[in-house]
Amino acid sequence: MDQFFGFVFFLIMALSGFWCLTFLVAIVPYWLGPGVAELNGKINANVDPEEVRFKKLYEQDGIEVLYQK
């Protein structure tokens, strides 16, 4: 029984270690490269934020608001 629980513990540790290494190798460099540039407005700088955001109901075309609190 101890050998089984030891194997299960080893398997969980190996999978979590593999996940952590994958996370560090794949995601963290994105944050340091293109992710930082996008946050600072160097990527997608020509996009108007007013066109991207969700419009309120009364701002949409073809919608008539009958009651507004």
PDB file of N, CA and C in Angstrom:
ATOM      1  N   MET A   1       0.821  -1.188   0.000  1.00  0.00           N
ATOM      2  CA  MET A   1       0.000   0.000   0.000  1.00  0.00           C
ATOM      3  C   MET A   1       0.872   1.262   0.000  1.00  0.00           C
ATOM      4  N   ASP A   2       1.941   1.238   0.764  1.00  0.00           N
ATOM      5  CA  ASP A   2       2.849   2.385   0.798  1.00  0.00           C
ATOM      6  C   ASP A   2       3.471   2.629  -0.572  1.00  0.00           C
ATOM      7  N   GLN A   3       3.783   1.539  -1.265  1.00  0.00           N
ATOM      8  CA  GLN A   3       4.396   1.682  -2.585  1.00  0.00           C
ATOM      9  C   GLN A   3       3.400   2.316  -3.569  1.00  0.00           C
ATOM     10  N   PHE A   4       2.133   1.960  -3.456  1.00  0.00           N
ATOM     11  CA  PHE A   4       1.107   2.527  -4.330  1.00  0.00           C
ATOM     12  C   PHE A   4       0.938   4.022  -4.068  1.00  0.00           C
ATOM     13  N   PHE A   5       0.834   4.399  -2.790  1.00  0.00           N
ATOM     14  CA  PHE A   5       0.685   5.814  -2.463  1.00  0.00           C
ATOM     15  C   PHE A   5       1.927   6.608  -2.840  1.00  0.00           C
ATOM     16  N   GLY A   6       3.087   5.999  -2.731  1.00  0.00           N
ATOM     17  CA  GLY A   6       4.314   6.651  -3.170  1.00  0.00           C
ATOM     18  C   GLY A   6       4.307   6.888  -4.664  1.00  0.00           C
ATOM     19  N   PHE A   7       3.825   5.916  -5.416  1.00  0.00           N
ATOM     20  CA  PHE A   7       3.739   6.074  -6.868  1.00  0.00           C
ATOM     21  C   PHE A   7       2.739   7.156  -7.242  1.00  0.00           C
ATOM     22  N   VAL A   8       1.591   7.182  -6.573  1.00  0.00           N
ATOM     23  CA  VAL A   8       0.579   8.210  -6.845  1.00  0.00           C
ATOM     24  C   VAL A   8       1.142   9.594  -6.517  1.00  0.00           C
ATOM     25  N   PHE A   9       1.860   9.704  -5.384  1.00  0.00           N
ATOM     26  CA  PHE A   9       2.477  10.972  -5.017  1.00  0.00           C
ATOM     27  C   PHE A   9       3.508  11.394  -6.059  1.00  0.00           C
ATOM     28  N   PHE A  10       4.321  10.445  -6.506  1.00  0.00           N
ATOM     29  CA  PHE A  10       5.319  10.740  -7.541  1.00  0.00           C
ATOM     30  C   PHE A  10       4.649  11.198  -8.830  1.00  0.00           C
ATOM     31  N   LEU A  11       3.565  10.518  -9.209  1.00  0.00           N
ATOM     32  CA  LEU A  11       2.862  10.872 -10.434  1.00  0.00           C
ATOM     33  C   LEU A  11       2.283  12.282 -10.349  1.00  0.00           C
ATOM     34  N   ILE A  12       1.683  12.627  -9.225  1.00  0.00           N
ATOM     35  CA  ILE A  12       1.114  13.967  -9.050  1.00  0.00           C
ATOM     36  C   ILE A  12       2.217  15.018  -9.088  1.00  0.00           C
ATOM     37  N   MET A  13       3.327  14.760  -8.421  1.00  0.00           N
ATOM     38  CA  MET A  13       4.445  15.707  -8.416  1.00  0.00           C
ATOM     39  C   MET A  13       5.042  15.864  -9.818  1.00  0.00           C
ATOM     40  N   ALA A  14       5.150  14.769 -10.554  1.00  0.00           N
ATOM     41  CA  ALA A  14       5.711  14.836 -11.896  1.00  0.00           C
ATOM     42  C   ALA A  14       4.795  15.639 -12.819  1.00  0.00           C
ATOM     43  N   LEU A  15       3.493  15.409 -12.730  1.00  0.00           N
ATOM     44  CA  LEU A  15       2.552  16.154 -13.573  1.00  0.00           C
ATOM     45  C   LEU A  15       2.521  17.634 -13.215  1.00  0.00           C
ATOM     46  N   SER A  16       2.536  17.948 -11.933  1.00  0.00           N
ATOM     47  CA  SER A  16       2.531  19.360 -11.550  1.00  0.00           C
ATOM     48  C   SER A  16       3.848  20.034 -11.939  1.00  0.00           C
ATOM     49  N   GLY A  17       4.961  19.337 -11.821  1.00  0.00           N
ATOM     50  CA  GLY A  17       6.234  19.894 -12.253  1.00  0.00           C
ATOM     51  C   GLY A  17       6.262  20.120 -13.755  1.00  0.00           C
ATOM     52  N   PHE A  18       5.726  19.181 -14.504  1.00  0.00           N
ATOM     53  CA  PHE A  18       5.661  19.334 -15.957  1.00  0.00           C
ATOM     54  C   PHE A  18       4.788  20.529 -16.325  1.00  0.00           C
ATOM     55  N   TRP A  19       3.655  20.698 -15.627  1.00  0.00           N
ATOM     56  CA  TRP A  19       2.772  21.823 -15.892  1.00  0.00           C
ATOM     57  C   TRP A  19       3.484  23.135 -15.578  1.00  0.00           C
ATOM     58  N   CYS A  20       4.201  23.189 -14.460  1.00  0.00           N
ATOM     59  CA  CYS A  20       4.906  24.414 -14.080  1.00  0.00           C
ATOM     60  C   CYS A  20       5.984  24.767 -15.102  1.00  0.00           C
ATOM     61  N   LEU A  21       6.737  23.785 -15.548  1.00  0.00           N
ATOM     62  CA  LEU A  21       7.764  24.066 -16.550  1.00  0.00           C
ATOM     63  C   LEU A  21       7.141  24.517 -17.863  1.00  0.00           C
ATOM     64  N   THR A  22       6.049  23.894 -18.255  1.00  0.00           N
ATOM     65  CA  THR A  22       5.368  24.296 -19.481  1.00  0.00           C
ATOM     66  C   THR A  22       4.852  25.730 -19.351  1.00  0.00           C
ATOM     67  N   PHE A  23       4.306  26.059 -18.202  1.00  0.00           N
ATOM     68  CA  PHE A  23       3.804  27.407 -17.959  1.00  0.00           C
ATOM     69  C   PHE A  23       4.944  28.419 -18.052  1.00  0.00           C
ATOM     70  N   LEU A  24       6.064  28.123 -17.418  1.00  0.00           N
ATOM     71  CA  LEU A  24       7.190  29.062 -17.415  1.00  0.00           C
ATOM     72  C   LEU A  24       7.797  29.217 -18.806  1.00  0.00           C
ATOM     73  N   VAL A  25       7.853  28.139 -19.570  1.00  0.00           N
ATOM     74  CA  VAL A  25       8.485  28.203 -20.887  1.00  0.00           C
ATOM     75  C   VAL A  25       7.550  28.845 -21.914  1.00  0.00           C
ATOM     76  N   ALA A  26       6.241  28.625 -21.798  1.00  0.00           N
ATOM     77  CA  ALA A  26       5.323  29.070 -22.845  1.00  0.00           C
ATOM     78  C   ALA A  26       4.691  30.422 -22.561  1.00  0.00           C
ATOM     79  N   ILE A  27       4.294  30.700 -21.339  1.00  0.00           N
ATOM     80  CA  ILE A  27       3.468  31.875 -21.070  1.00  0.00           C
ATOM     81  C   ILE A  27       4.286  33.061 -20.592  1.00  0.00           C
ATOM     82  N   VAL A  28       5.238  32.834 -19.717  1.00  0.00           N
ATOM     83  CA  VAL A  28       6.007  33.952 -19.167  1.00  0.00           C
ATOM     84  C   VAL A  28       6.765  34.706 -20.251  1.00  0.00           C
ATOM     85  N   PRO A  29       7.416  34.055 -21.226  1.00  0.00           N
ATOM     86  CA  PRO A  29       8.058  34.845 -22.290  1.00  0.00           C
ATOM     87  C   PRO A  29       7.059  35.670 -23.103  1.00  0.00           C
ATOM     88  N   TYR A  30       5.805  35.203 -23.238  1.00  0.00           N
ATOM     89  CA  TYR A  30       4.792  36.004 -23.932  1.00  0.00           C
ATOM     90  C   TYR A  30       4.511  37.284 -23.154  1.00  0.00           C
ATOM     91  N   TRP A  31       4.435  37.171 -21.823  1.00  0.00           N
ATOM     92  CA  TRP A  31       4.198  38.367 -21.011  1.00  0.00           C
ATOM     93  C   TRP A  31       5.346  39.357 -21.151  1.00  0.00           C
ATOM     94  N   LEU A  32       6.564  38.844 -21.282  1.00  0.00           N
ATOM     95  CA  LEU A  32       7.721  39.726 -21.368  1.00  0.00           C
ATOM     96  C   LEU A  32       7.905  40.311 -22.766  1.00  0.00           C
ATOM     97  N   GLY A  33       7.348  39.679 -23.789  1.00  0.00           N
ATOM     98  CA  GLY A  33       7.547  40.146 -25.166  1.00  0.00           C
ATOM     99  C   GLY A  33       6.336  40.860 -25.710  1.00  0.00           C
ATOM    100  N   PRO A  34       5.550  40.175 -26.545  1.00  0.00           N
ATOM    101  CA  PRO A  34       4.394  40.822 -27.178  1.00  0.00           C
ATOM    102  C   PRO A  34       3.330  41.278 -26.185  1.00  0.00           C
ATOM    103  N   GLY A  35       3.203  40.598 -25.057  1.00  0.00           N
ATOM    104  CA  GLY A  35       2.182  40.996 -24.080  1.00  0.00           C
ATOM    105  C   GLY A  35       2.444  42.370 -23.513  1.00  0.00           C
ATOM    106  N   VAL A  36       3.696  42.677 -23.193  1.00  0.00           N
ATOM    107  CA  VAL A  36       4.040  43.992 -22.661  1.00  0.00           C
ATOM    108  C   VAL A  36       3.869  45.052 -23.734  1.00  0.00           C
ATOM    109  N   ALA A  37       4.251  44.736 -24.969  1.00  0.00           N
ATOM    110  CA  ALA A  37       4.094  45.699 -26.059  1.00  0.00           C
ATOM    111  C   ALA A  37       2.617  46.010 -26.302  1.00  0.00           C
ATOM    112  N   GLU A  38       1.765  44.996 -26.208  1.00  0.00           N
ATOM    113  CA  GLU A  38       0.347  45.234 -26.431  1.00  0.00           C
ATOM    114  C   GLU A  38      -0.245  46.076 -25.308  1.00  0.00           C
ATOM    115  N   LEU A  39       0.184  45.831 -24.080  1.00  0.00           N
ATOM    116  CA  LEU A  39      -0.317  46.629 -22.963  1.00  0.00           C
ATOM    117  C   LEU A  39       0.109  48.088 -23.079  1.00  0.00           C
ATOM    118  N   ASN A  40       1.265  48.348 -23.626  1.00  0.00           N
ATOM    119  CA  ASN A  40       1.754  49.713 -23.769  1.00  0.00           C
ATOM    120  C   ASN A  40       1.228  50.386 -25.030  1.00  0.00           C
ATOM    121  N   GLY A  41       0.424  49.703 -25.841  1.00  0.00           N
ATOM    122  CA  GLY A  41      -0.193  50.299 -27.003  1.00  0.00           C
ATOM    123  C   GLY A  41       0.667  50.295 -28.244  1.00  0.00           C
ATOM    124  N   LYS A  42       1.718  49.482 -28.260  1.00  0.00           N
ATOM    125  CA  LYS A  42       2.560  49.436 -29.449  1.00  0.00           C
ATOM    126  C   LYS A  42       1.984  48.485 -30.498  1.00  0.00           C
ATOM    127  N   ILE A  43       1.209  47.502 -30.073  1.00  0.00           N
ATOM    128  CA  ILE A  43       0.521  46.591 -30.981  1.00  0.00           C
ATOM    129  C   ILE A  43      -0.959  46.988 -30.946  1.00  0.00           C
ATOM    130  N   ASN A  44      -1.610  46.981 -32.080  1.00  0.00           N
ATOM    131  CA  ASN A  44      -3.015  47.381 -32.211  1.00  0.00           C
ATOM    132  C   ASN A  44      -3.227  48.838 -31.832  1.00  0.00           C
ATOM    133  N   ALA A  45      -2.245  49.687 -32.087  1.00  0.00           N
ATOM    134  CA  ALA A  45      -2.378  51.098 -31.740  1.00  0.00           C
ATOM    135  C   ALA A  45      -3.334  51.815 -32.678  1.00  0.00           C
ATOM    136  N   ASN A  46      -3.557  51.259 -33.863  1.00  0.00           N
ATOM    137  CA  ASN A  46      -4.429  51.931 -34.828  1.00  0.00           C
ATOM    138  C   ASN A  46      -5.899  51.553 -34.665  1.00  0.00           C
ATOM    139  N   VAL A  47      -6.245  50.806 -33.641  1.00  0.00           N
ATOM    140  CA  VAL A  47      -7.630  50.403 -33.400  1.00  0.00           C
ATOM    141  C   VAL A  47      -8.277  51.433 -32.485  1.00  0.00           C
ATOM    142  N   ASP A  48      -9.457  51.911 -32.885  1.00  0.00           N
ATOM    143  CA  ASP A  48     -10.189  52.872 -32.071  1.00  0.00           C
ATOM    144  C   ASP A  48     -10.904  52.125 -30.942  1.00  0.00           C
ATOM    145  N   PRO A  49     -10.657  52.454 -29.691  1.00  0.00           N
ATOM    146  CA  PRO A  49     -11.314  51.723 -28.597  1.00  0.00           C
ATOM    147  C   PRO A  49     -12.828  51.881 -28.595  1.00  0.00           C
ATOM    148  N   GLU A  50     -13.335  52.955 -29.167  1.00  0.00           N
ATOM    149  CA  GLU A  50     -14.784  53.142 -29.210  1.00  0.00           C
ATOM    150  C   GLU A  50     -15.456  52.141 -30.148  1.00  0.00           C
ATOM    151  N   GLU A  51     -14.740  51.662 -31.175  1.00  0.00           N
ATOM    152  CA  GLU A  51     -15.311  50.680 -32.087  1.00  0.00           C
ATOM    153  C   GLU A  51     -15.287  49.279 -31.487  1.00  0.00           C
ATOM    154  N   VAL A  52     -14.383  49.032 -30.574  1.00  0.00           N
ATOM    155  CA  VAL A  52     -14.215  47.688 -30.037  1.00  0.00           C
ATOM    156  C   VAL A  52     -15.134  47.436 -28.850  1.00  0.00           C
ATOM    157  N   ARG A  53     -15.383  48.453 -28.054  1.00  0.00           N
ATOM    158  CA  ARG A  53     -16.150  48.246 -26.818  1.00  0.00           C
ATOM    159  C   ARG A  53     -17.607  47.901 -27.117  1.00  0.00           C
ATOM    160  N   PHE A  54     -18.245  47.222 -26.160  1.00  0.00           N
ATOM    161  CA  PHE A  54     -19.667  46.911 -26.275  1.00  0.00           C
ATOM    162  C   PHE A  54     -20.456  48.194 -26.068  1.00  0.00           C
ATOM    163  N   LYS A  55     -21.363  48.480 -26.977  1.00  0.00           N
ATOM    164  CA  LYS A  55     -22.170  49.690 -26.861  1.00  0.00           C
ATOM    165  C   LYS A  55     -23.339  49.435 -25.928  1.00  0.00           C
ATOM    166  N   LYS A  56     -23.738  50.469 -25.238  1.00  0.00           N
ATOM    167  CA  LYS A  56     -24.913  50.381 -24.379  1.00  0.00           C
ATOM    168  C   LYS A  56     -26.141  50.219 -25.263  1.00  0.00           C
ATOM    169  N   LEU A  57     -27.223  49.805 -24.665  1.00  0.00           N
ATOM    170  CA  LEU A  57     -28.428  49.501 -25.433  1.00  0.00           C
ATOM    171  C   LEU A  57     -28.926  50.722 -26.196  1.00  0.00           C
ATOM    172  N   TYR A  58     -28.908  51.888 -25.566  1.00  0.00           N
ATOM    173  CA  TYR A  58     -29.431  53.085 -26.224  1.00  0.00           C
ATOM    174  C   TYR A  58     -28.459  53.637 -27.271  1.00  0.00           C
ATOM    175  N   GLU A  59     -27.225  53.145 -27.322  1.00  0.00           N
ATOM    176  CA  GLU A  59     -26.254  53.601 -28.316  1.00  0.00           C
ATOM    177  C   GLU A  59     -26.291  52.765 -29.598  1.00  0.00           C
ATOM    178  N   GLN A  60     -26.948  51.628 -29.560  1.00  0.00           N
ATOM    179  CA  GLN A  60     -26.938  50.730 -30.710  1.00  0.00           C
ATOM    180  C   GLN A  60     -27.895  51.228 -31.788  1.00  0.00           C
ATOM    181  N   ASP A  61     -27.529  50.934 -33.024  1.00  0.00           N
ATOM    182  CA  ASP A  61     -28.369  51.331 -34.160  1.00  0.00           C
ATOM    183  C   ASP A  61     -29.595  50.432 -34.251  1.00  0.00           C
ATOM    184  N   GLY A  62     -30.737  51.011 -34.546  1.00  0.00           N
ATOM    185  CA  GLY A  62     -31.960  50.240 -34.731  1.00  0.00           C
ATOM    186  C   GLY A  62     -32.647  49.847 -33.447  1.00  0.00           C
ATOM    187  N   ILE A  63     -32.206  50.381 -32.313  1.00  0.00           N
ATOM    188  CA  ILE A  63     -32.810  50.040 -31.020  1.00  0.00           C
ATOM    189  C   ILE A  63     -33.457  51.309 -30.460  1.00  0.00           C
ATOM    190  N   GLU A  64     -34.708  51.186 -30.063  1.00  0.00           N
ATOM    191  CA  GLU A  64     -35.393  52.311 -29.438  1.00  0.00           C
ATOM    192  C   GLU A  64     -35.681  51.936 -27.990  1.00  0.00           C
ATOM    193  N   VAL A  65     -35.194  52.722 -27.070  1.00  0.00           N
ATOM    194  CA  VAL A  65     -35.395  52.449 -25.646  1.00  0.00           C
ATOM    195  C   VAL A  65     -36.700  53.103 -25.224  1.00  0.00           C
ATOM    196  N   LEU A  66     -37.641  52.284 -24.736  1.00  0.00           N
ATOM    197  CA  LEU A  66     -38.945  52.799 -24.353  1.00  0.00           C
ATOM    198  C   LEU A  66     -38.959  53.291 -22.911  1.00  0.00           C
ATOM    199  N   TYR A  67     -38.158  52.659 -22.052  1.00  0.00           N
ATOM    200  CA  TYR A  67     -38.162  53.033 -20.632  1.00  0.00           C
ATOM    201  C   TYR A  67     -36.726  52.992 -20.137  1.00  0.00           C
ATOM    202  N   GLN A  68     -36.318  54.051 -19.471  1.00  0.00           N
ATOM    203  CA  GLN A  68     -34.974  54.074 -18.903  1.00  0.00           C
ATOM    204  C   GLN A  68     -35.078  54.690 -17.517  1.00  0.00           C
ATOM    205  N   LYS A  69     -34.552  54.001 -16.539  1.00  0.00           N
ATOM    206  CA  LYS A  69     -34.629  54.438 -15.160  1.00  0.00           C
ATOM    207  C   LYS A  69     -33.755  55.618 -14.905  1.00  0.00           C
TER     208      LYS A  69
END
